Each structure stands twice: as C-alpha cells, then as structure tokens.
C-alpha cells in the first residue's frame, strides 16, 4: 500500500472489539505480521477483532485488553528502527489464568525480563 489513505480504506475483516474501543490502545510496528500474529494469538491467546490483510494490520483483543499490530511500511517511522523494537516499554494486562500463557512462552523458549506474578 502506497499511502495511509489506501491502507486505511483497504478491505477489513471482522468487527469492533467486544465492548467497543478502549480509551487507549497501543499500536506496535512489527517486522512480520504473520509471525507477530502467531505470537500474540497463538501463544498469548489474543483474538483478531478485525484486520486489514492488504495493509498487514490487525486489531487484537483478549479479556478486555486491546492492541494493534502493523507491519513496518515506511509511513510511520520517526527514527531508526533497531531490534528490539519498543525498548523500555512495559505492557500489563489482566487475564483469568496466567499458567497457560507461561507454558506457551516456555514452549518456545521466550525470555522473560522479570518473572510475572498474580495480583
């Protein structure tokens, strides 16, 4: 997609997230939307509320948490992109069960900066 208007007007699948849009929803630039969807949906248990496949964009939800993913496309880069993206950012979301998420992350050898805890 060459312009943001084309991306925003590309065909969508799905519908609004359950309960509508949250007041604040982070959007993450990702290097590969398919790999990112496998991680966020396949490992962390998020669902796609809606997506725009041609734009390589997805709006995800899980138990009231919402996040957007967009494959890097050159339209929103305000500085050099170096791995790991999002250095210094922390996300917290409430889930009904932490154990399945920890098991899925352990299965793929995903490193945790700090051990999670249940409140």
Foldseek 3Di string as FASTA:
>chain_A
DPDVVCLVPADKDAAAPVPHDDPDAEEDADQALVVVCCCCCVQVPWDFRMARVVQSKTWIDDPHHIYIYGYDDPPDDPDDDDPPPPPPDDDDDDDPDDVSNVVSCVVVPNDDPDDDDDD
